[in-house]
Structure formats: structure tokens, C-alpha cells
PDB file of N, CA and C in Angstrom:
ATOM      1  N   MET A   1      22.517  -6.707   3.115  1.00  0.00           N
ATOM      2  CA  MET A   1      21.483  -5.939   3.786  1.00  0.00           C
ATOM      3  C   MET A   1      21.820  -4.447   3.659  1.00  0.00           C
ATOM      4  N   ILE A   2      20.812  -3.666   3.354  1.00  0.00           N
ATOM      5  CA  ILE A   2      20.985  -2.223   3.181  1.00  0.00           C
ATOM      6  C   ILE A   2      20.766  -1.542   4.536  1.00  0.00           C
ATOM      7  N   PRO A   3      21.676  -0.645   4.923  1.00  0.00           N
ATOM      8  CA  PRO A   3      21.473   0.087   6.179  1.00  0.00           C
ATOM      9  C   PRO A   3      20.178   0.899   6.146  1.00  0.00           C
ATOM     10  N   PRO A   4      19.532   1.082   7.299  1.00  0.00           N
ATOM     11  CA  PRO A   4      18.257   1.807   7.348  1.00  0.00           C
ATOM     12  C   PRO A   4      18.327   3.215   6.752  1.00  0.00           C
ATOM     13  N   GLU A   5      19.440   3.924   6.978  1.00  0.00           N
ATOM     14  CA  GLU A   5      19.539   5.277   6.434  1.00  0.00           C
ATOM     15  C   GLU A   5      19.592   5.263   4.908  1.00  0.00           C
ATOM     16  N   CYS A   6      20.150   4.189   4.331  1.00  0.00           N
ATOM     17  CA  CYS A   6      20.174   4.061   2.868  1.00  0.00           C
ATOM     18  C   CYS A   6      18.782   3.721   2.338  1.00  0.00           C
ATOM     19  N   GLU A   7      18.066   2.860   3.042  1.00  0.00           N
ATOM     20  CA  GLU A   7      16.695   2.538   2.631  1.00  0.00           C
ATOM     21  C   GLU A   7      15.826   3.789   2.639  1.00  0.00           C
ATOM     22  N   MET A   8      15.991   4.608   3.671  1.00  0.00           N
ATOM     23  CA  MET A   8      15.228   5.855   3.769  1.00  0.00           C
ATOM     24  C   MET A   8      15.576   6.775   2.604  1.00  0.00           C
ATOM     25  N   ALA A   9      16.855   6.890   2.297  1.00  0.00           N
ATOM     26  CA  ALA A   9      17.286   7.754   1.193  1.00  0.00           C
ATOM     27  C   ALA A   9      16.685   7.273  -0.122  1.00  0.00           C
ATOM     28  N   ILE A  10      16.747   5.984  -0.375  1.00  0.00           N
ATOM     29  CA  ILE A  10      16.231   5.431  -1.627  1.00  0.00           C
ATOM     30  C   ILE A  10      14.725   5.686  -1.739  1.00  0.00           C
ATOM     31  N   GLN A  11      14.015   5.576  -0.629  1.00  0.00           N
ATOM     32  CA  GLN A  11      12.569   5.822  -0.641  1.00  0.00           C
ATOM     33  C   GLN A  11      12.242   7.293  -0.923  1.00  0.00           C
ATOM     34  N   GLN A  12      13.183   8.184  -0.668  1.00  0.00           N
ATOM     35  CA  GLN A  12      12.931   9.611  -0.844  1.00  0.00           C
ATOM     36  C   GLN A  12      13.345  10.130  -2.221  1.00  0.00           C
ATOM     37  N   PHE A  13      13.988   9.326  -3.040  1.00  0.00           N
ATOM     38  CA  PHE A  13      14.500   9.809  -4.324  1.00  0.00           C
ATOM     39  C   PHE A  13      13.418  10.403  -5.219  1.00  0.00           C
ATOM     40  N   ASP A  14      12.263   9.762  -5.323  1.00  0.00           N
ATOM     41  CA  ASP A  14      11.202  10.290  -6.192  1.00  0.00           C
ATOM     42  C   ASP A  14      10.728  11.660  -5.717  1.00  0.00           C
ATOM     43  N   ALA A  15      10.472  11.773  -4.422  1.00  0.00           N
ATOM     44  CA  ALA A  15      10.040  13.061  -3.875  1.00  0.00           C
ATOM     45  C   ALA A  15      11.143  14.105  -4.039  1.00  0.00           C
ATOM     46  N   PHE A  16      12.382  13.694  -3.915  1.00  0.00           N
ATOM     47  CA  PHE A  16      13.529  14.583  -4.111  1.00  0.00           C
ATOM     48  C   PHE A  16      13.535  15.145  -5.528  1.00  0.00           C
ATOM     49  N   ARG A  17      13.366  14.265  -6.507  1.00  0.00           N
ATOM     50  CA  ARG A  17      13.358  14.687  -7.921  1.00  0.00           C
ATOM     51  C   ARG A  17      12.212  15.643  -8.219  1.00  0.00           C
ATOM     52  N   ARG A  18      11.072  15.409  -7.576  1.00  0.00           N
ATOM     53  CA  ARG A  18       9.901  16.260  -7.815  1.00  0.00           C
ATOM     54  C   ARG A  18       9.919  17.524  -6.965  1.00  0.00           C
ATOM     55  N   GLY A  19      10.911  17.691  -6.105  1.00  0.00           N
ATOM     56  CA  GLY A  19      10.986  18.863  -5.245  1.00  0.00           C
ATOM     57  C   GLY A  19       9.945  18.857  -4.145  1.00  0.00           C
ATOM     58  N   GLU A  20       9.562  17.678  -3.672  1.00  0.00           N
ATOM     59  CA  GLU A  20       8.483  17.560  -2.694  1.00  0.00           C
ATOM     60  C   GLU A  20       8.947  17.252  -1.278  1.00  0.00           C
ATOM     61  N   LEU A  21      10.261  17.266  -1.027  1.00  0.00           N
ATOM     62  CA  LEU A  21      10.734  16.985   0.328  1.00  0.00           C
ATOM     63  C   LEU A  21      10.662  18.237   1.188  1.00  0.00           C
ATOM     64  N   ALA A  22      10.307  18.048   2.433  1.00  0.00           N
ATOM     65  CA  ALA A  22      10.337  19.142   3.407  1.00  0.00           C
ATOM     66  C   ALA A  22      11.792  19.572   3.591  1.00  0.00           C
ATOM     67  N   PRO A  23      12.020  20.819   3.987  1.00  0.00           N
ATOM     68  CA  PRO A  23      13.402  21.308   4.119  1.00  0.00           C
ATOM     69  C   PRO A  23      14.306  20.409   4.966  1.00  0.00           C
ATOM     70  N   GLY A  24      13.807  19.911   6.085  1.00  0.00           N
ATOM     71  CA  GLY A  24      14.609  19.033   6.933  1.00  0.00           C
ATOM     72  C   GLY A  24      14.942  17.722   6.251  1.00  0.00           C
ATOM     73  N   GLU A  25      13.964  17.154   5.534  1.00  0.00           N
ATOM     74  CA  GLU A  25      14.191  15.909   4.792  1.00  0.00           C
ATOM     75  C   GLU A  25      15.195  16.127   3.669  1.00  0.00           C
ATOM     76  N   LEU A  26      15.072  17.258   2.995  1.00  0.00           N
ATOM     77  CA  LEU A  26      15.987  17.587   1.907  1.00  0.00           C
ATOM     78  C   LEU A  26      17.418  17.705   2.426  1.00  0.00           C
ATOM     79  N   LEU A  27      17.591  18.407   3.522  1.00  0.00           N
ATOM     80  CA  LEU A  27      18.919  18.566   4.103  1.00  0.00           C
ATOM     81  C   LEU A  27      19.488  17.217   4.530  1.00  0.00           C
ATOM     82  N   SER A  28      18.665  16.399   5.151  1.00  0.00           N
ATOM     83  CA  SER A  28      19.096  15.074   5.596  1.00  0.00           C
ATOM     84  C   SER A  28      19.510  14.209   4.408  1.00  0.00           C
ATOM     85  N   LEU A  29      18.709  14.226   3.353  1.00  0.00           N
ATOM     86  CA  LEU A  29      19.034  13.423   2.170  1.00  0.00           C
ATOM     87  C   LEU A  29      20.308  13.927   1.509  1.00  0.00           C
ATOM     88  N   ARG A  30      20.442  15.220   1.364  1.00  0.00           N
ATOM     89  CA  ARG A  30      21.660  15.772   0.751  1.00  0.00           C
ATOM     90  C   ARG A  30      22.895  15.417   1.570  1.00  0.00           C
ATOM     91  N   ASN A  31      22.790  15.506   2.893  1.00  0.00           N
ATOM     92  CA  ASN A  31      23.911  15.120   3.749  1.00  0.00           C
ATOM     93  C   ASN A  31      24.253  13.648   3.561  1.00  0.00           C
ATOM     94  N   HIS A  32      23.233  12.814   3.463  1.00  0.00           N
ATOM     95  CA  HIS A  32      23.465  11.387   3.265  1.00  0.00           C
ATOM     96  C   HIS A  32      24.152  11.140   1.918  1.00  0.00           C
ATOM     97  N   LEU A  33      23.660  11.790   0.862  1.00  0.00           N
ATOM     98  CA  LEU A  33      24.265  11.598  -0.459  1.00  0.00           C
ATOM     99  C   LEU A  33      25.697  12.109  -0.500  1.00  0.00           C
ATOM    100  N   ASP A  34      26.007  13.119   0.302  1.00  0.00           N
ATOM    101  CA  ASP A  34      27.382  13.636   0.365  1.00  0.00           C
ATOM    102  C   ASP A  34      28.341  12.651   1.019  1.00  0.00           C
ATOM    103  N   THR A  35      27.815  11.774   1.863  1.00  0.00           N
ATOM    104  CA  THR A  35      28.690  10.869   2.606  1.00  0.00           C
ATOM    105  C   THR A  35      28.566   9.404   2.213  1.00  0.00           C
ATOM    106  N   CYS A  36      27.533   9.034   1.488  1.00  0.00           N
ATOM    107  CA  CYS A  36      27.316   7.624   1.134  1.00  0.00           C
ATOM    108  C   CYS A  36      27.557   7.420  -0.354  1.00  0.00           C
ATOM    109  N   ARG A  37      28.661   6.792  -0.678  1.00  0.00           N
ATOM    110  CA  ARG A  37      29.000   6.575  -2.089  1.00  0.00           C
ATOM    111  C   ARG A  37      27.979   5.687  -2.784  1.00  0.00           C
ATOM    112  N   ARG A  38      27.476   4.682  -2.074  1.00  0.00           N
ATOM    113  CA  ARG A  38      26.514   3.744  -2.667  1.00  0.00           C
ATOM    114  C   ARG A  38      25.236   4.473  -3.095  1.00  0.00           C
ATOM    115  N   CYS A  39      24.677   5.253  -2.192  1.00  0.00           N
ATOM    116  CA  CYS A  39      23.428   5.962  -2.500  1.00  0.00           C
ATOM    117  C   CYS A  39      23.647   7.059  -3.541  1.00  0.00           C
ATOM    118  N   TYR A  40      24.785   7.733  -3.450  1.00  0.00           N
ATOM    119  CA  TYR A  40      25.092   8.774  -4.436  1.00  0.00           C
ATOM    120  C   TYR A  40      25.163   8.164  -5.833  1.00  0.00           C
ATOM    121  N   ALA A  41      25.880   7.036  -5.952  1.00  0.00           N
ATOM    122  CA  ALA A  41      25.999   6.367  -7.248  1.00  0.00           C
ATOM    123  C   ALA A  41      24.639   5.854  -7.725  1.00  0.00           C
ATOM    124  N   PHE A  42      23.855   5.309  -6.805  1.00  0.00           N
ATOM    125  CA  PHE A  42      22.525   4.806  -7.163  1.00  0.00           C
ATOM    126  C   PHE A  42      21.640   5.933  -7.665  1.00  0.00           C
ATOM    127  N   GLN A  43      21.674   7.063  -6.962  1.00  0.00           N
ATOM    128  CA  GLN A  43      20.848   8.201  -7.356  1.00  0.00           C
ATOM    129  C   GLN A  43      21.274   8.745  -8.722  1.00  0.00           C
ATOM    130  N   ARG A  44      22.569   8.840  -8.955  1.00  0.00           N
ATOM    131  CA  ARG A  44      23.063   9.307 -10.253  1.00  0.00           C
ATOM    132  C   ARG A  44      22.653   8.346 -11.364  1.00  0.00           C
ATOM    133  N   HIS A  45      22.756   7.046 -11.113  1.00  0.00           N
ATOM    134  CA  HIS A  45      22.369   6.043 -12.103  1.00  0.00           C
ATOM    135  C   HIS A  45      20.872   6.144 -12.398  1.00  0.00           C
ATOM    136  N   GLU A  46      20.076   6.274 -11.348  1.00  0.00           N
ATOM    137  CA  GLU A  46      18.623   6.378 -11.523  1.00  0.00           C
ATOM    138  C   GLU A  46      18.258   7.639 -12.313  1.00  0.00           C
ATOM    139  N   ASN A  47      18.885   8.753 -11.987  1.00  0.00           N
ATOM    140  CA  ASN A  47      18.619   9.997 -12.722  1.00  0.00           C
ATOM    141  C   ASN A  47      19.007   9.874 -14.188  1.00  0.00           C
ATOM    142  N   ALA A  48      20.164   9.261 -14.465  1.00  0.00           N
ATOM    143  CA  ALA A  48      20.609   9.086 -15.845  1.00  0.00           C
ATOM    144  C   ALA A  48      19.642   8.180 -16.606  1.00  0.00           C
ATOM    145  N   PHE A  49      19.176   7.108 -15.954  1.00  0.00           N
ATOM    146  CA  PHE A  49      18.218   6.210 -16.597  1.00  0.00           C
ATOM    147  C   PHE A  49      16.923   6.949 -16.931  1.00  0.00           C
ATOM    148  N   LEU A  50      16.401   7.705 -15.973  1.00  0.00           N
ATOM    149  CA  LEU A  50      15.150   8.430 -16.216  1.00  0.00           C
ATOM    150  C   LEU A  50      15.318   9.479 -17.306  1.00  0.00           C
ATOM    151  N   GLU A  51      16.453  10.135 -17.350  1.00  0.00           N
ATOM    152  CA  GLU A  51      16.708  11.123 -18.399  1.00  0.00           C
ATOM    153  C   GLU A  51      16.744  10.455 -19.777  1.00  0.00           C
ATOM    154  N   ARG A  52      17.412   9.294 -19.865  1.00  0.00           N
ATOM    155  CA  ARG A  52      17.443   8.561 -21.146  1.00  0.00           C
ATOM    156  C   ARG A  52      16.040   8.097 -21.539  1.00  0.00           C
ATOM    157  N   LEU A  53      15.271   7.654 -20.560  1.00  0.00           N
ATOM    158  CA  LEU A  53      13.906   7.218 -20.833  1.00  0.00           C
ATOM    159  C   LEU A  53      13.059   8.373 -21.348  1.00  0.00           C
ATOM    160  N   LEU A  54      13.167   9.537 -20.704  1.00  0.00           N
ATOM    161  CA  LEU A  54      12.418  10.714 -21.162  1.00  0.00           C
ATOM    162  C   LEU A  54      12.846  11.131 -22.565  1.00  0.00           C
ATOM    163  N   THR A  55      14.135  11.105 -22.822  1.00  0.00           N
ATOM    164  CA  THR A  55      14.644  11.476 -24.144  1.00  0.00           C
ATOM    165  C   THR A  55      14.119  10.506 -25.210  1.00  0.00           C
ATOM    166  N   ALA A  56      14.135   9.227 -24.896  1.00  0.00           N
ATOM    167  CA  ALA A  56      13.706   8.217 -25.863  1.00  0.00           C
ATOM    168  C   ALA A  56      12.212   8.279 -26.145  1.00  0.00           C
ATOM    169  N   THR A  57      11.441   8.748 -25.184  1.00  0.00           N
ATOM    170  CA  THR A  57       9.983   8.747 -25.348  1.00  0.00           C
ATOM    171  C   THR A  57       9.402  10.131 -25.601  1.00  0.00           C
ATOM    172  N   ARG A  58      10.241  11.121 -25.699  1.00  0.00           N
ATOM    173  CA  ARG A  58       9.764  12.499 -25.841  1.00  0.00           C
ATOM    174  C   ARG A  58       8.791  12.660 -27.021  1.00  0.00           C
ATOM    175  N   ASN A  59       9.078  12.025 -28.128  1.00  0.00           N
ATOM    176  CA  ASN A  59       8.235  12.171 -29.314  1.00  0.00           C
ATOM    177  C   ASN A  59       7.319  10.975 -29.542  1.00  0.00           C
ATOM    178  N   ALA A  60       7.238  10.101 -28.551  1.00  0.00           N
ATOM    179  CA  ALA A  60       6.389   8.914 -28.688  1.00  0.00           C
ATOM    180  C   ALA A  60       4.916   9.323 -28.582  1.00  0.00           C
ATOM    181  N   ARG A  61       4.102   8.642 -29.313  1.00  0.00           N
ATOM    182  CA  ARG A  61       2.656   8.897 -29.303  1.00  0.00           C
ATOM    183  C   ARG A  61       1.922   7.642 -28.846  1.00  0.00           C
ATOM    184  N   CYS A  62       0.924   7.849 -28.059  1.00  0.00           N
ATOM    185  CA  CYS A  62       0.061   6.759 -27.635  1.00  0.00           C
ATOM    186  C   CYS A  62      -0.860   6.419 -28.803  1.00  0.00           C
ATOM    187  N   PRO A  63      -0.936   5.147 -29.204  1.00  0.00           N
ATOM    188  CA  PRO A  63      -1.850   4.780 -30.290  1.00  0.00           C
ATOM    189  C   PRO A  63      -3.290   5.156 -29.930  1.00  0.00           C
ATOM    190  N   GLU A  64      -4.018   5.622 -30.910  1.00  0.00           N
ATOM    191  CA  GLU A  64      -5.392   6.082 -30.671  1.00  0.00           C
ATOM    192  C   GLU A  64      -6.266   4.997 -30.059  1.00  0.00           C
ATOM    193  N   GLU A  65      -6.097   3.769 -30.489  1.00  0.00           N
ATOM    194  CA  GLU A  65      -6.902   2.677 -29.941  1.00  0.00           C
ATOM    195  C   GLU A  65      -6.636   2.519 -28.433  1.00  0.00           C
ATOM    196  N   LEU A  66      -5.389   2.592 -28.041  1.00  0.00           N
ATOM    197  CA  LEU A  66      -5.043   2.498 -26.621  1.00  0.00           C
ATOM    198  C   LEU A  66      -5.580   3.708 -25.863  1.00  0.00           C
ATOM    199  N   ARG A  67      -5.453   4.887 -26.438  1.00  0.00           N
ATOM    200  CA  ARG A  67      -5.964   6.111 -25.805  1.00  0.00           C
ATOM    201  C   ARG A  67      -7.475   5.987 -25.574  1.00  0.00           C
ATOM    202  N   ALA A  68      -8.210   5.474 -26.564  1.00  0.00           N
ATOM    203  CA  ALA A  68      -9.663   5.312 -26.432  1.00  0.00           C
ATOM    204  C   ALA A  68     -10.002   4.302 -25.338  1.00  0.00           C
ATOM    205  N   THR A  69      -9.256   3.208 -25.299  1.00  0.00           N
ATOM    206  CA  THR A  69      -9.496   2.185 -24.273  1.00  0.00           C
ATOM    207  C   THR A  69      -9.261   2.758 -22.879  1.00  0.00           C
ATOM    208  N   ILE A  70      -8.177   3.498 -22.710  1.00  0.00           N
ATOM    209  CA  ILE A  70      -7.886   4.099 -21.410  1.00  0.00           C
ATOM    210  C   ILE A  70      -8.964   5.100 -21.027  1.00  0.00           C
ATOM    211  N   SER A  71      -9.387   5.918 -21.967  1.00  0.00           N
ATOM    212  CA  SER A  71     -10.446   6.896 -21.695  1.00  0.00           C
ATOM    213  C   SER A  71     -11.734   6.204 -21.260  1.00  0.00           C
ATOM    214  N   GLN A  72     -12.082   5.115 -21.931  1.00  0.00           N
ATOM    215  CA  GLN A  72     -13.283   4.366 -21.567  1.00  0.00           C
ATOM    216  C   GLN A  72     -13.164   3.787 -20.152  1.00  0.00           C
ATOM    217  N   LEU A  73     -11.997   3.249 -19.826  1.00  0.00           N
ATOM    218  CA  LEU A  73     -11.798   2.662 -18.490  1.00  0.00           C
ATOM    219  C   LEU A  73     -11.854   3.744 -17.396  1.00  0.00           C
ATOM    220  N   VAL A  74     -11.272   4.887 -17.671  1.00  0.00           N
ATOM    221  CA  VAL A  74     -11.308   5.984 -16.701  1.00  0.00           C
ATOM    222  C   VAL A  74     -12.742   6.464 -16.511  1.00  0.00           C
ATOM    223  N   ALA A  75     -13.463   6.626 -17.611  1.00  0.00           N
ATOM    224  CA  ALA A  75     -14.861   7.064 -17.528  1.00  0.00           C
ATOM    225  C   ALA A  75     -15.697   6.051 -16.763  1.00  0.00           C
ATOM    226  N   ARG A  76     -15.505   4.782 -17.031  1.00  0.00           N
ATOM    227  CA  ARG A  76     -16.256   3.737 -16.347  1.00  0.00           C
ATOM    228  C   ARG A  76     -15.936   3.745 -14.852  1.00  0.00           C
ATOM    229  N   GLU A  77     -14.663   3.893 -14.513  1.00  0.00           N
ATOM    230  CA  GLU A  77     -14.245   3.952 -13.111  1.00  0.00           C
ATOM    231  C   GLU A  77     -14.831   5.182 -12.414  1.00  0.00           C
ATOM    232  N   SER A  78     -14.873   6.312 -13.107  1.00  0.00           N
ATOM    233  CA  SER A  78     -15.407   7.549 -12.542  1.00  0.00           C
ATOM    234  C   SER A  78     -16.901   7.404 -12.244  1.00  0.00           C
ATOM    235  N   ARG A  79     -17.599   6.754 -13.126  1.00  0.00           N
ATOM    236  CA  ARG A  79     -19.047   6.552 -12.903  1.00  0.00           C
ATOM    237  C   ARG A  79     -19.299   5.624 -11.735  1.00  0.00           C
ATOM    238  N   GLY A  80     -18.377   4.708 -11.480  1.00  0.00           N
ATOM    239  CA  GLY A  80     -18.531   3.750 -10.381  1.00  0.00           C
ATOM    240  C   GLY A  80     -18.282   4.343  -9.021  1.00  0.00           C
ATOM    241  N   ASN A  81     -17.681   5.544  -8.973  1.00  0.00           N
ATOM    242  CA  ASN A  81     -17.351   6.164  -7.668  1.00  0.00           C
ATOM    243  C   ASN A  81     -18.271   7.274  -7.326  1.00  0.00           C
TER     244      ASN A  81
END
């Protein structure tokens, strides 16, 4: 079972990476990461994984057929709202 403070920290990682945490939340998360080896290691692992994923896909291109299908679905959804 994960302690509640660790669950809260894990839920905040995405907002942390995007710089979207309020100052108090940021301070709380940083304090937690300074004292919790499990969450610190998890956050470092997650950051390394995302960096490798970005590096691997940096030059990837979406196939035109898929791009057209997505555009059609977005347009259809937009008309429905």
C-alpha cells in the first residue's frame, strides 16, 4: 500500500513537469521528494523514460492517412457540438 502523501506526489508529477503547480504545492512536492526515496526514484525514472520517448520520437512523422482520419474525426466532433 502506498502512503497517502506518496499518492498525492505521484498525482502531481505531470503538473510539476509542466510547471503548473501552485507555489505551495510545488514546495510541498519538493519537500516530499527531498525526503522520500521511493518517490524521488520514481520521479527520476519517469522523467528519464519521458526524455527517451521524446528523443526517440522527435523526428517521427504521422502518416498522412492517419492525419487525415484524425482531422476528419475532429471536424465531425466539432460539428456535433
